[in-house]
């Protein structure tokens, strides 16, 4: 599993209805994309308390071939043509869990980044994070949750989809989910450790 996200930060006075319309008319195009576990079409809005207006889709790829096909194909080129070429962040997957609200459509998402301290051996830090992630994924309202790591910056990433319209405030950066494409969600390996 590979996690991937790009963030398109928009002007403070940008009409976010444009992004909503884009997702409403194009979001279904990835509903059956080969190699895609899931894509959450995410936004943050200043009027809803975010520091920025942002379109920030988040992906969990079941196969690297799917990710490559998207990045080098027409799907990503649409983003580049409309918004310019964003930095594509990516992380190696560590764990994926379905939560108690797995049957619900997610309405909110959170992303929490945690640096791996220099004094703790990486293997120990990752093992502890995977165990904590399994417990946290069992909380009420969790649709699904993924844990990944960026070994370049030694950073853990926890991404969680929530059934409620508002994600818990203490879970990190909060996003609204406009659409979820999840053709390979069932093969992401619920409960399976990916390291």
N, C-alpha and C. Protein backbone atom coordinates (compact mmCIF):
# COMPACT_ATOMS: atom_id res chain seq x y z
N UNK A 1 0.85 -1.18 0.00
CA UNK A 1 0.00 0.00 0.00
C UNK A 1 0.89 1.23 0.00
N UNK A 2 0.51 2.21 -0.79
CA UNK A 2 1.18 3.50 -0.82
C UNK A 2 0.14 4.57 -0.55
N UNK A 3 0.48 5.52 0.31
CA UNK A 3 -0.38 6.67 0.56
C UNK A 3 0.17 7.84 -0.26
N UNK A 4 -0.73 8.67 -0.76
CA UNK A 4 -0.32 9.78 -1.61
C UNK A 4 -1.29 10.95 -1.42
N UNK A 5 -0.76 12.16 -1.43
CA UNK A 5 -1.62 13.34 -1.34
C UNK A 5 -0.92 14.52 -2.00
N UNK A 6 -1.73 15.35 -2.63
CA UNK A 6 -1.24 16.65 -3.07
C UNK A 6 -2.24 17.69 -2.58
N UNK A 7 -1.70 18.86 -2.27
CA UNK A 7 -2.51 19.93 -1.71
C UNK A 7 -2.47 21.12 -2.66
N UNK A 8 -3.64 21.57 -3.04
CA UNK A 8 -3.74 22.75 -3.90
C UNK A 8 -4.36 23.85 -3.05
N UNK A 9 -3.51 24.76 -2.58
CA UNK A 9 -3.97 25.87 -1.75
C UNK A 9 -4.47 26.98 -2.67
N UNK A 10 -5.67 27.44 -2.37
CA UNK A 10 -6.36 28.40 -3.24
C UNK A 10 -6.48 29.76 -2.54
N UNK A 11 -6.72 30.84 -3.31
CA UNK A 11 -6.83 32.17 -2.69
C UNK A 11 -7.93 32.22 -1.63
N UNK A 12 -7.77 33.14 -0.70
CA UNK A 12 -8.73 33.28 0.41
C UNK A 12 -10.14 33.55 -0.08
N UNK A 13 -10.27 34.22 -1.22
CA UNK A 13 -11.60 34.56 -1.74
C UNK A 13 -12.06 33.60 -2.86
N UNK A 14 -11.38 32.46 -2.99
CA UNK A 14 -11.71 31.51 -4.05
C UNK A 14 -13.09 30.91 -3.81
N UNK A 15 -13.85 30.77 -4.86
CA UNK A 15 -15.18 30.16 -4.79
C UNK A 15 -15.01 28.64 -4.71
N UNK A 16 -15.14 28.08 -3.53
CA UNK A 16 -14.95 26.63 -3.35
C UNK A 16 -16.06 25.83 -4.02
N UNK A 17 -17.12 26.52 -4.46
CA UNK A 17 -18.15 25.86 -5.24
C UNK A 17 -17.59 25.29 -6.54
N UNK A 18 -16.52 25.90 -7.05
CA UNK A 18 -15.87 25.39 -8.27
C UNK A 18 -15.28 24.01 -8.00
N UNK A 19 -14.63 23.84 -6.86
CA UNK A 19 -14.05 22.54 -6.51
C UNK A 19 -15.17 21.53 -6.28
N UNK A 20 -16.22 21.95 -5.59
CA UNK A 20 -17.34 21.04 -5.35
C UNK A 20 -17.95 20.55 -6.68
N UNK A 21 -18.10 21.46 -7.61
CA UNK A 21 -18.65 21.10 -8.93
C UNK A 21 -17.70 20.15 -9.66
N UNK A 22 -16.40 20.42 -9.57
CA UNK A 22 -15.40 19.56 -10.22
C UNK A 22 -15.53 18.13 -9.69
N UNK A 23 -15.63 17.98 -8.37
CA UNK A 23 -15.73 16.66 -7.76
C UNK A 23 -17.07 16.02 -8.12
N UNK A 24 -18.15 16.80 -8.11
CA UNK A 24 -19.47 16.25 -8.43
C UNK A 24 -19.54 15.72 -9.86
N UNK A 25 -18.83 16.37 -10.77
CA UNK A 25 -18.91 15.95 -12.18
C UNK A 25 -17.79 14.98 -12.60
N UNK A 26 -16.67 14.96 -11.86
CA UNK A 26 -15.54 14.12 -12.26
C UNK A 26 -15.17 13.03 -11.26
N UNK A 27 -15.64 13.15 -10.03
CA UNK A 27 -15.22 12.23 -8.98
C UNK A 27 -15.48 10.77 -9.31
N UNK A 28 -16.57 10.50 -9.98
CA UNK A 28 -16.92 9.11 -10.31
C UNK A 28 -15.94 8.47 -11.28
N UNK A 29 -15.10 9.26 -11.95
CA UNK A 29 -14.19 8.71 -12.95
C UNK A 29 -13.16 7.74 -12.36
N UNK A 30 -12.91 7.82 -11.06
CA UNK A 30 -11.96 6.90 -10.43
C UNK A 30 -12.65 5.80 -9.62
N UNK A 31 -13.96 5.72 -9.71
CA UNK A 31 -14.70 4.72 -8.93
C UNK A 31 -14.35 3.29 -9.29
N UNK A 32 -13.72 3.07 -10.44
CA UNK A 32 -13.31 1.72 -10.84
C UNK A 32 -11.86 1.71 -11.34
N UNK A 33 -11.05 2.65 -10.87
CA UNK A 33 -9.68 2.78 -11.36
C UNK A 33 -8.82 1.61 -10.88
N UNK A 34 -8.16 0.88 -11.79
CA UNK A 34 -7.35 -0.28 -11.42
C UNK A 34 -6.19 0.12 -10.50
N UNK A 35 -6.02 -0.64 -9.44
CA UNK A 35 -4.91 -0.42 -8.51
C UNK A 35 -5.20 0.58 -7.41
N UNK A 36 -6.33 1.28 -7.49
CA UNK A 36 -6.67 2.26 -6.46
C UNK A 36 -7.41 1.58 -5.32
N UNK A 37 -6.90 1.72 -4.12
CA UNK A 37 -7.62 1.25 -2.94
C UNK A 37 -8.76 2.20 -2.65
N UNK A 38 -8.39 3.47 -2.37
CA UNK A 38 -9.41 4.49 -2.19
C UNK A 38 -8.83 5.87 -2.46
N UNK A 39 -9.71 6.77 -2.85
CA UNK A 39 -9.37 8.18 -3.00
C UNK A 39 -10.45 8.97 -2.28
N UNK A 40 -10.02 9.79 -1.32
CA UNK A 40 -10.93 10.69 -0.62
C UNK A 40 -10.74 12.09 -1.21
N UNK A 41 -11.79 12.63 -1.77
CA UNK A 41 -11.76 13.98 -2.35
C UNK A 41 -11.97 14.95 -1.20
N UNK A 42 -10.91 15.59 -0.77
CA UNK A 42 -10.92 16.40 0.44
C UNK A 42 -10.82 17.89 0.15
N UNK A 43 -11.49 18.67 1.00
CA UNK A 43 -11.33 20.13 0.95
C UNK A 43 -11.22 20.66 2.38
N UNK A 44 -10.61 21.83 2.49
CA UNK A 44 -10.62 22.64 3.71
C UNK A 44 -11.07 24.03 3.28
N UNK A 45 -11.85 24.68 4.12
CA UNK A 45 -12.37 26.01 3.77
C UNK A 45 -12.15 26.99 4.90
N UNK A 46 -11.72 28.19 4.54
CA UNK A 46 -11.50 29.24 5.53
C UNK A 46 -12.80 29.56 6.28
N UNK A 47 -13.91 29.60 5.56
CA UNK A 47 -15.18 29.94 6.22
C UNK A 47 -15.61 28.89 7.24
N UNK A 48 -15.01 27.70 7.18
CA UNK A 48 -15.33 26.64 8.14
C UNK A 48 -14.26 26.52 9.22
N UNK A 49 -13.39 27.53 9.32
CA UNK A 49 -12.39 27.55 10.37
C UNK A 49 -11.00 27.09 9.97
N UNK A 50 -10.81 26.69 8.73
CA UNK A 50 -9.48 26.27 8.27
C UNK A 50 -8.62 27.52 8.04
N UNK A 51 -7.31 27.39 8.19
CA UNK A 51 -6.44 28.53 7.88
C UNK A 51 -6.34 28.82 6.38
N UNK A 52 -6.78 27.85 5.54
CA UNK A 52 -6.66 28.01 4.09
C UNK A 52 -7.87 27.40 3.38
N UNK A 53 -8.09 27.87 2.15
CA UNK A 53 -8.97 27.15 1.22
C UNK A 53 -8.06 26.17 0.49
N UNK A 54 -8.46 24.91 0.45
CA UNK A 54 -7.57 23.91 -0.12
C UNK A 54 -8.35 22.72 -0.68
N UNK A 55 -7.87 22.25 -1.84
CA UNK A 55 -8.32 20.98 -2.39
C UNK A 55 -7.15 20.03 -2.17
N UNK A 56 -7.38 18.92 -1.46
CA UNK A 56 -6.27 18.06 -1.04
C UNK A 56 -6.64 16.59 -1.10
N UNK A 57 -6.85 16.02 -2.29
CA UNK A 57 -7.23 14.61 -2.38
C UNK A 57 -6.17 13.69 -1.76
N UNK A 58 -6.67 12.63 -1.12
CA UNK A 58 -5.80 11.66 -0.46
C UNK A 58 -6.07 10.28 -1.06
N UNK A 59 -5.01 9.55 -1.37
CA UNK A 59 -5.11 8.25 -2.03
C UNK A 59 -4.44 7.16 -1.21
N UNK A 60 -5.02 6.00 -1.22
CA UNK A 60 -4.35 4.78 -0.77
C UNK A 60 -4.32 3.85 -1.98
N UNK A 61 -3.13 3.58 -2.46
CA UNK A 61 -2.95 2.75 -3.65
C UNK A 61 -2.70 1.31 -3.24
N UNK A 62 -3.45 0.40 -3.81
CA UNK A 62 -3.27 -1.02 -3.55
C UNK A 62 -2.08 -1.57 -4.33
N UNK A 63 -1.75 -0.92 -5.46
CA UNK A 63 -0.61 -1.37 -6.26
C UNK A 63 0.18 -0.15 -6.75
N UNK A 64 1.51 -0.29 -6.86
CA UNK A 64 2.30 0.82 -7.40
C UNK A 64 1.97 1.07 -8.88
N UNK A 65 1.56 0.02 -9.58
CA UNK A 65 1.20 0.20 -11.00
C UNK A 65 0.00 1.14 -11.14
N UNK A 66 -0.97 1.01 -10.24
CA UNK A 66 -2.12 1.90 -10.27
C UNK A 66 -1.71 3.35 -10.04
N UNK A 67 -0.84 3.57 -9.04
CA UNK A 67 -0.36 4.91 -8.75
C UNK A 67 0.38 5.49 -9.95
N UNK A 68 1.25 4.71 -10.54
CA UNK A 68 2.01 5.19 -11.70
C UNK A 68 1.09 5.48 -12.87
N UNK A 69 0.11 4.62 -13.11
CA UNK A 69 -0.83 4.82 -14.20
C UNK A 69 -1.58 6.14 -14.03
N UNK A 70 -1.95 6.45 -12.79
CA UNK A 70 -2.65 7.71 -12.53
C UNK A 70 -1.73 8.91 -12.72
N UNK A 71 -0.54 8.87 -12.10
CA UNK A 71 0.36 10.03 -12.16
C UNK A 71 0.82 10.35 -13.57
N UNK A 72 1.06 9.33 -14.39
CA UNK A 72 1.59 9.58 -15.73
C UNK A 72 0.49 9.57 -16.79
N UNK A 73 -0.74 9.41 -16.37
CA UNK A 73 -1.85 9.35 -17.31
C UNK A 73 -2.71 10.61 -17.32
N UNK A 74 -3.84 10.54 -17.99
CA UNK A 74 -4.70 11.71 -18.17
C UNK A 74 -5.35 12.22 -16.88
N UNK A 75 -5.53 11.35 -15.88
CA UNK A 75 -6.18 11.80 -14.65
C UNK A 75 -5.43 12.92 -13.96
N UNK A 76 -4.14 12.71 -13.72
CA UNK A 76 -3.34 13.73 -13.06
C UNK A 76 -3.08 14.91 -13.97
N UNK A 77 -3.04 14.67 -15.29
CA UNK A 77 -2.82 15.77 -16.22
C UNK A 77 -3.94 16.81 -16.13
N UNK A 78 -5.15 16.37 -15.79
CA UNK A 78 -6.25 17.31 -15.60
C UNK A 78 -5.98 18.25 -14.45
N UNK A 79 -5.40 17.75 -13.37
CA UNK A 79 -5.01 18.59 -12.23
C UNK A 79 -3.94 19.58 -12.67
N UNK A 80 -2.92 19.08 -13.36
CA UNK A 80 -1.81 19.93 -13.80
C UNK A 80 -2.33 21.05 -14.72
N UNK A 81 -3.21 20.71 -15.65
CA UNK A 81 -3.74 21.72 -16.57
C UNK A 81 -4.58 22.78 -15.85
N UNK A 82 -5.36 22.36 -14.85
CA UNK A 82 -6.28 23.29 -14.19
C UNK A 82 -5.64 24.07 -13.04
N UNK A 83 -4.65 23.47 -12.35
CA UNK A 83 -4.10 24.11 -11.15
C UNK A 83 -2.59 24.26 -11.16
N UNK A 84 -1.90 23.73 -12.17
CA UNK A 84 -0.44 23.68 -12.13
C UNK A 84 -0.01 22.36 -11.52
N UNK A 85 1.29 22.08 -11.55
CA UNK A 85 1.79 20.79 -11.06
C UNK A 85 2.10 20.89 -9.56
N UNK A 86 1.28 20.23 -8.73
CA UNK A 86 1.54 20.29 -7.28
C UNK A 86 2.62 19.30 -6.86
N UNK A 87 3.18 19.53 -5.70
CA UNK A 87 4.08 18.56 -5.08
C UNK A 87 3.23 17.37 -4.66
N UNK A 88 3.66 16.17 -5.04
CA UNK A 88 2.94 14.96 -4.67
C UNK A 88 3.69 14.31 -3.51
N UNK A 89 3.06 14.33 -2.35
CA UNK A 89 3.63 13.70 -1.17
C UNK A 89 3.27 12.22 -1.20
N UNK A 90 4.18 11.37 -0.74
CA UNK A 90 3.85 9.94 -0.71
C UNK A 90 4.55 9.28 0.47
N UNK A 91 3.90 8.25 0.97
CA UNK A 91 4.36 7.53 2.14
C UNK A 91 4.22 6.03 1.89
N UNK A 92 5.06 5.26 2.51
CA UNK A 92 4.97 3.80 2.46
C UNK A 92 3.96 3.34 3.50
N UNK A 93 3.03 2.51 3.08
CA UNK A 93 1.99 2.04 3.98
C UNK A 93 2.51 1.10 5.04
N UNK A 94 1.98 1.27 6.26
CA UNK A 94 2.32 0.40 7.38
C UNK A 94 1.14 -0.44 7.82
N UNK A 95 -0.05 0.16 7.88
CA UNK A 95 -1.23 -0.57 8.36
C UNK A 95 -2.49 0.09 7.83
N UNK A 96 -3.53 -0.71 7.67
CA UNK A 96 -4.85 -0.23 7.27
C UNK A 96 -5.89 -0.98 8.09
N UNK A 97 -6.85 -0.26 8.62
CA UNK A 97 -7.90 -0.86 9.43
C UNK A 97 -9.26 -0.29 9.02
N UNK A 98 -10.26 -1.14 8.98
CA UNK A 98 -11.65 -0.70 8.87
C UNK A 98 -12.13 -0.44 10.29
N UNK A 99 -12.93 0.62 10.47
CA UNK A 99 -13.42 0.96 11.79
C UNK A 99 -14.84 0.48 12.04
N UNK A 100 -15.39 0.77 13.23
CA UNK A 100 -16.75 0.36 13.56
C UNK A 100 -17.80 0.96 12.64
N UNK A 101 -17.52 2.10 12.01
CA UNK A 101 -18.47 2.75 11.10
C UNK A 101 -18.13 2.47 9.64
N UNK A 102 -17.49 1.32 9.37
CA UNK A 102 -17.02 1.00 8.02
C UNK A 102 -18.13 1.02 6.97
N UNK A 103 -19.35 0.73 7.35
CA UNK A 103 -20.45 0.71 6.38
C UNK A 103 -20.99 2.11 6.07
N UNK A 104 -20.55 3.12 6.80
CA UNK A 104 -21.04 4.49 6.60
C UNK A 104 -20.22 5.21 5.54
N UNK A 105 -20.85 6.17 4.89
CA UNK A 105 -20.12 7.04 3.97
C UNK A 105 -19.34 8.07 4.80
N UNK A 106 -18.04 8.22 4.54
CA UNK A 106 -17.28 9.20 5.32
C UNK A 106 -17.65 10.63 4.93
N UNK A 107 -17.76 11.47 5.93
CA UNK A 107 -18.07 12.88 5.71
C UNK A 107 -16.91 13.79 6.09
N UNK A 108 -15.99 13.28 6.90
CA UNK A 108 -14.86 14.06 7.37
C UNK A 108 -13.62 13.18 7.38
N UNK A 109 -12.47 13.83 7.43
CA UNK A 109 -11.20 13.12 7.48
C UNK A 109 -10.22 13.91 8.33
N UNK A 110 -9.25 13.19 8.88
CA UNK A 110 -8.17 13.84 9.61
C UNK A 110 -6.84 13.29 9.13
N UNK A 111 -5.83 14.17 9.24
CA UNK A 111 -4.46 13.78 8.90
C UNK A 111 -3.56 14.27 10.03
N UNK A 112 -2.81 13.34 10.60
CA UNK A 112 -1.90 13.70 11.69
C UNK A 112 -0.49 13.25 11.31
N UNK A 113 0.42 14.18 11.34
CA UNK A 113 1.83 13.88 11.06
C UNK A 113 2.60 13.93 12.38
N UNK A 114 3.46 12.92 12.57
CA UNK A 114 4.23 12.84 13.80
C UNK A 114 5.67 12.51 13.44
N UNK A 115 6.62 13.38 13.81
CA UNK A 115 8.02 13.06 13.54
C UNK A 115 8.48 11.87 14.38
N UNK A 116 9.31 11.03 13.80
CA UNK A 116 9.93 9.94 14.55
C UNK A 116 11.16 10.51 15.23
N UNK A 117 11.19 10.48 16.54
CA UNK A 117 12.32 11.05 17.27
C UNK A 117 13.63 10.37 16.93
N UNK A 118 14.70 11.14 17.00
CA UNK A 118 16.02 10.61 16.65
C UNK A 118 16.57 9.66 17.69
N UNK A 119 16.03 9.70 18.90
CA UNK A 119 16.59 8.86 19.96
C UNK A 119 15.95 7.48 20.03
N UNK A 120 14.84 7.27 19.30
CA UNK A 120 14.16 5.97 19.32
C UNK A 120 14.50 5.22 18.03
N UNK A 121 14.91 3.96 18.11
CA UNK A 121 15.17 3.19 16.89
C UNK A 121 13.91 3.15 16.02
N UNK A 122 14.05 3.37 14.71
CA UNK A 122 12.87 3.43 13.83
C UNK A 122 11.97 2.21 13.93
N UNK A 123 12.53 1.01 14.02
CA UNK A 123 11.72 -0.20 14.10
C UNK A 123 10.84 -0.21 15.34
N UNK A 124 11.37 0.23 16.47
CA UNK A 124 10.58 0.30 17.70
C UNK A 124 9.47 1.33 17.58
N UNK A 125 9.81 2.49 17.03
CA UNK A 125 8.81 3.56 16.88
C UNK A 125 7.68 3.13 15.96
N UNK A 126 8.01 2.44 14.88
CA UNK A 126 6.99 1.99 13.94
C UNK A 126 6.13 0.90 14.57
N UNK A 127 6.74 -0.05 15.26
CA UNK A 127 5.97 -1.12 15.91
C UNK A 127 4.99 -0.54 16.93
N UNK A 128 5.43 0.42 17.70
CA UNK A 128 4.56 1.07 18.68
C UNK A 128 3.43 1.83 17.98
N UNK A 129 3.74 2.53 16.89
CA UNK A 129 2.73 3.29 16.15
C UNK A 129 1.68 2.37 15.53
N UNK A 130 2.10 1.21 15.01
CA UNK A 130 1.17 0.26 14.41
C UNK A 130 0.22 -0.29 15.47
N UNK A 131 0.74 -0.61 16.65
CA UNK A 131 -0.12 -1.11 17.73
C UNK A 131 -1.11 -0.04 18.18
N UNK A 132 -0.65 1.21 18.31
CA UNK A 132 -1.53 2.32 18.70
C UNK A 132 -2.60 2.55 17.63
N UNK A 133 -2.20 2.47 16.37
CA UNK A 133 -3.13 2.68 15.27
C UNK A 133 -4.25 1.65 15.30
N UNK A 134 -3.93 0.40 15.57
CA UNK A 134 -4.96 -0.65 15.62
C UNK A 134 -5.99 -0.35 16.70
N UNK A 135 -5.52 0.16 17.85
CA UNK A 135 -6.46 0.53 18.93
C UNK A 135 -7.30 1.74 18.54
N UNK A 136 -6.66 2.76 17.97
CA UNK A 136 -7.36 3.99 17.62
C UNK A 136 -8.40 3.77 16.52
N UNK A 137 -8.16 2.82 15.65
CA UNK A 137 -9.11 2.54 14.55
C UNK A 137 -10.41 1.94 15.05
N UNK A 138 -10.45 1.48 16.27
CA UNK A 138 -11.66 0.88 16.84
C UNK A 138 -12.57 1.92 17.53
N UNK A 139 -12.21 3.19 17.46
CA UNK A 139 -13.03 4.21 18.11
C UNK A 139 -14.33 4.44 17.35
N UNK A 140 -15.35 4.87 18.08
CA UNK A 140 -16.64 5.18 17.47
C UNK A 140 -16.48 6.23 16.38
N UNK A 141 -17.17 6.03 15.26
CA UNK A 141 -17.16 6.99 14.17
C UNK A 141 -16.10 6.77 13.12
N UNK A 142 -15.14 5.88 13.38
CA UNK A 142 -14.07 5.63 12.39
C UNK A 142 -14.63 4.75 11.28
N UNK A 143 -14.51 5.24 10.05
CA UNK A 143 -14.87 4.46 8.87
C UNK A 143 -13.69 3.58 8.47
N UNK A 144 -12.53 4.20 8.33
CA UNK A 144 -11.30 3.48 7.97
C UNK A 144 -10.12 4.36 8.37
N UNK A 145 -8.97 3.72 8.57
CA UNK A 145 -7.79 4.46 8.98
C UNK A 145 -6.55 3.80 8.41
N UNK A 146 -5.59 4.63 8.04
CA UNK A 146 -4.33 4.12 7.49
C UNK A 146 -3.17 4.77 8.22
N UNK A 147 -2.10 4.03 8.33
CA UNK A 147 -0.86 4.52 8.92
C UNK A 147 0.24 4.30 7.89
N UNK A 148 1.06 5.33 7.71
CA UNK A 148 2.14 5.25 6.72
C UNK A 148 3.36 6.00 7.26
N UNK A 149 4.48 5.83 6.58
CA UNK A 149 5.72 6.47 7.02
C UNK A 149 6.47 7.05 5.82
N UNK A 150 7.10 8.18 6.05
CA UNK A 150 7.99 8.80 5.07
C UNK A 150 9.41 8.66 5.63
N UNK A 151 10.21 7.71 5.12
CA UNK A 151 11.55 7.52 5.67
C UNK A 151 12.54 8.61 5.26
N UNK A 152 12.17 9.45 4.30
CA UNK A 152 13.06 10.57 3.93
C UNK A 152 13.08 11.61 5.03
N UNK A 153 11.87 11.91 5.56
CA UNK A 153 11.76 12.92 6.62
C UNK A 153 11.52 12.29 7.99
N UNK A 154 11.48 10.96 8.05
CA UNK A 154 11.22 10.23 9.29
C UNK A 154 9.98 10.78 9.96
N UNK A 155 8.87 10.60 9.25
CA UNK A 155 7.59 11.12 9.71
C UNK A 155 6.51 10.04 9.54
N UNK A 156 5.70 9.86 10.59
CA UNK A 156 4.54 8.99 10.51
C UNK A 156 3.33 9.80 10.08
N UNK A 157 2.46 9.18 9.33
CA UNK A 157 1.22 9.82 8.88
C UNK A 157 0.06 8.92 9.27
N UNK A 158 -0.89 9.47 10.02
CA UNK A 158 -2.13 8.76 10.33
C UNK A 158 -3.25 9.47 9.60
N UNK A 159 -3.99 8.74 8.79
CA UNK A 159 -5.11 9.29 8.01
C UNK A 159 -6.35 8.52 8.39
N UNK A 160 -7.41 9.25 8.79
CA UNK A 160 -8.64 8.59 9.23
C UNK A 160 -9.85 9.21 8.56
N UNK A 161 -10.75 8.36 8.09
CA UNK A 161 -12.05 8.78 7.57
C UNK A 161 -13.08 8.61 8.68
N UNK A 162 -13.96 9.62 8.83
CA UNK A 162 -14.95 9.65 9.91
C UNK A 162 -16.36 9.70 9.34
N UNK A 163 -17.28 9.04 10.03
CA UNK A 163 -18.68 9.00 9.59
C UNK A 163 -19.38 10.33 9.88
N UNK A 164 -19.03 11.02 10.95
CA UNK A 164 -19.69 12.27 11.30
C UNK A 164 -19.24 13.43 10.43
N UNK A 165 -20.06 14.47 10.40
CA UNK A 165 -19.73 15.65 9.60
C UNK A 165 -18.54 16.41 10.15
N UNK A 166 -18.28 16.27 11.45
CA UNK A 166 -17.14 16.93 12.07
C UNK A 166 -16.21 15.89 12.65
N UNK A 167 -14.94 15.94 12.26
CA UNK A 167 -13.94 15.05 12.84
C UNK A 167 -13.53 15.61 14.20
N UNK A 168 -13.07 14.75 15.10
CA UNK A 168 -12.60 15.24 16.39
C UNK A 168 -11.50 16.30 16.23
N UNK A 169 -11.57 17.33 17.02
CA UNK A 169 -10.65 18.47 16.90
C UNK A 169 -9.21 18.10 17.24
N UNK A 170 -9.01 17.10 18.08
CA UNK A 170 -7.66 16.77 18.54
C UNK A 170 -6.96 15.72 17.68
N UNK A 171 -7.48 15.45 16.50
CA UNK A 171 -6.93 14.39 15.65
C UNK A 171 -5.98 14.91 14.57
N UNK A 172 -5.69 16.20 14.56
CA UNK A 172 -4.81 16.76 13.54
C UNK A 172 -5.57 17.65 12.59
N UNK A 173 -5.06 17.78 11.38
CA UNK A 173 -5.71 18.62 10.38
C UNK A 173 -7.03 17.98 9.95
N UNK A 174 -8.07 18.80 9.83
CA UNK A 174 -9.40 18.28 9.51
C UNK A 174 -9.81 18.70 8.10
N UNK A 175 -10.49 17.77 7.43
CA UNK A 175 -10.95 17.97 6.06
C UNK A 175 -12.40 17.52 5.95
N UNK A 176 -13.08 18.04 4.94
CA UNK A 176 -14.42 17.58 4.58
C UNK A 176 -14.26 16.65 3.38
N UNK A 177 -14.99 15.52 3.39
CA UNK A 177 -14.93 14.55 2.29
C UNK A 177 -16.09 14.85 1.34
N UNK A 178 -15.78 15.16 0.08
CA UNK A 178 -16.81 15.43 -0.91
C UNK A 178 -17.26 14.15 -1.63
N UNK A 179 -16.36 13.20 -1.78
CA UNK A 179 -16.67 11.96 -2.49
C UNK A 179 -15.60 10.94 -2.11
N UNK A 180 -15.95 9.68 -2.16
CA UNK A 180 -14.98 8.61 -1.93
C UNK A 180 -15.06 7.63 -3.08
N UNK A 181 -13.96 7.48 -3.78
CA UNK A 181 -13.82 6.41 -4.78
C UNK A 181 -13.06 5.30 -4.08
N UNK A 182 -13.60 4.10 -4.07
CA UNK A 182 -12.97 3.02 -3.30
C UNK A 182 -13.03 1.67 -4.01
N UNK A 183 -12.52 1.59 -5.25
CA UNK A 183 -12.64 0.33 -5.98
C UNK A 183 -11.86 -0.82 -5.37
N UNK A 184 -10.76 -0.54 -4.68
CA UNK A 184 -9.95 -1.61 -4.11
C UNK A 184 -9.87 -1.56 -2.60
N UNK A 185 -10.82 -0.94 -1.98
CA UNK A 185 -10.80 -0.81 -0.52
C UNK A 185 -10.75 -2.19 0.15
N UNK A 186 -11.45 -3.14 -0.41
CA UNK A 186 -11.49 -4.48 0.18
C UNK A 186 -10.17 -5.21 0.14
N UNK A 187 -9.23 -4.78 -0.70
CA UNK A 187 -7.94 -5.48 -0.78
C UNK A 187 -6.82 -4.72 -0.07
N UNK A 188 -7.16 -3.62 0.61
CA UNK A 188 -6.12 -2.87 1.31
C UNK A 188 -5.59 -3.62 2.51
N UNK A 189 -6.29 -4.65 2.93
CA UNK A 189 -5.74 -5.52 3.96
C UNK A 189 -6.18 -5.19 5.36
N UNK A 190 -7.46 -5.12 5.61
CA UNK A 190 -7.97 -4.80 6.93
C UNK A 190 -7.31 -5.68 7.98
N UNK A 191 -6.67 -5.03 8.92
CA UNK A 191 -6.01 -5.75 10.00
C UNK A 191 -4.66 -6.33 9.63
N UNK A 192 -4.33 -6.35 8.39
CA UNK A 192 -3.06 -6.93 7.94
C UNK A 192 -1.95 -5.91 8.16
N UNK A 193 -0.86 -6.31 8.72
CA UNK A 193 0.29 -5.42 8.89
C UNK A 193 1.07 -5.40 7.60
N UNK A 194 1.40 -4.20 7.17
CA UNK A 194 2.00 -4.04 5.85
C UNK A 194 3.51 -3.77 5.93
N UNK A 195 4.12 -4.25 6.97
CA UNK A 195 5.58 -4.06 7.08
C UNK A 195 6.26 -5.32 7.55
